[in-house]
Amino acid sequence: MLSVTEAEAIILNLVQVLDSEKDSEVVSLDDADGRVLAKSVVGKLDFPHWDNSAMDGYAVRYEDLQNCSADNPVTLEVITEIAAGDRPQTDIKPGQTARIFTGAMLPAGANAIVIQENTTREGDLVTIFAAPHPQEFVRHKGAFYQAGKPLLEAGIVIGAAEMAVLATAQCTQLSVYRRPRVAILSTGDELVTPEQTLQPGQIVDSNQYALASFVASNGGIPLKLGIISDRPEALKNAIAQAIESADIVLSTGGVSVGDYDYVDRILAELGGTLHIRSVAVKPGKPLTVATFDNNCLYFGIPGNPVSALVSCWRFVQPALRKLSGQNNYQPRFVKAITRYDLKAGGKRETYLWGKLQLVDGEYEFTLAGGSHSSGNLINLAQTNGLAIVPVGQKLIAEGEEVRVMLTS
């Protein structure tokens, strides 16, 4: 068996990142959320677009107020009012000011903002009781970004903050990587769909649904190929179809050492190169990883639902993210204090699922209740972290520090 670190390194070295030219497409800003930039974005506008006020108050000449104080107030003439969206029509001259609101353009002649809390207004006159600093509360044109400079780099996943930046810069057409296609198939004559009536001995195939959600949440397009019989010929035809249609294939079941575990043999028959067959990890020891001449990356993962998802979180997720062109594709780990004893056998790197939360500035990990069997998916709900018990260690006691991998 390979160690987890060895397996991860092999998998990531096998990933062929999508080509920024051949595997890209142009989308509108409305369709850009969640996509990965294939080309860096350069804006054509300064930001702020013009000098503007950061506060409600009065646009003034600092020179008129440099000696102003509560004991020595200064009264100025209010000659205009400027709201956000207005274009100032009048310059500010000595002894004058303009009522101004947050975000409004600064009129020519003004070089500071006096906040309204430091003033008293009577008609067209305003009395000011505190001297501003030069340029105080003025947001200058180009202070945050200058036109022509890189705005967002390739490989960034576009989220809410990036959507705001792109909209502000009026970048409405974007080059993004196409979404990777991920074929999903479940093997086993014992499996039935959730719509079928369950007969004694049968198992509902939850993996199709879990893995499709996993793929979609990581930016891929899930291709659900359904349940495939344990007959070698049927399995071979389905796997061949998956390899031809997808960038990544996820098959569950059939990769252990049982009499009906045909996947490894079939992959070799189809011309695949097998790189991994098992990993010293619990759950998820049976893990097949193969590649094909068309650059398809094949993952044969265990059929047990928990093992399948843990394998995806630990090994498939970084591979899928790297393939899709993302810059930050490595798994994320944090240190946390465990609120339960974490037990393991010691021979394999063990992953225990539960909830990670921030309490008073410190991460805490709460183990999911109930059995931590690879067949028990019920307590997997709401999992957001996997606590790791290293090889050679059998216990991390309550209150001790533990390394936790974020699952999303």
Foldseek 3Di string as FASTA:
>chain_A
DAALVVQQVVLQVLFDADQLPPQKDKDFLVPQAQFFFSAFDFFAAAPVNFKFFQAFAKFAALVLDVPAAQVRKAKAFADEEWEAPDDDDDAADRRYIHGYHHNTHHHHPGFEGDHHVQWDDDPRMIIGHDRDDGNYRIDGTNPVHDGPDTDGGGQDGDHDVNSVSCVSSVVTMGMTGQAFEEEEEEEEPQEDDPVDDHDPSHDHQPPLVVVCVVSVVLRHHYDYPYYFYLPVVRVLVSVVVRQVPGQEYEYEDLLDPDPSNCVVVSCVVVPWDWDDQAYQEPPWGGWIWIAHPVSRIYIYTYRQQQNSLVCCLSRVQLSSSSNRRHPPSHWDKDKAAEQAKDFDPQAGWYWFWFDWDADPNGIYTYGQDDDPDSNDCPSVPPTFKIWIDHRRDTIDHGGHMTMITGSD
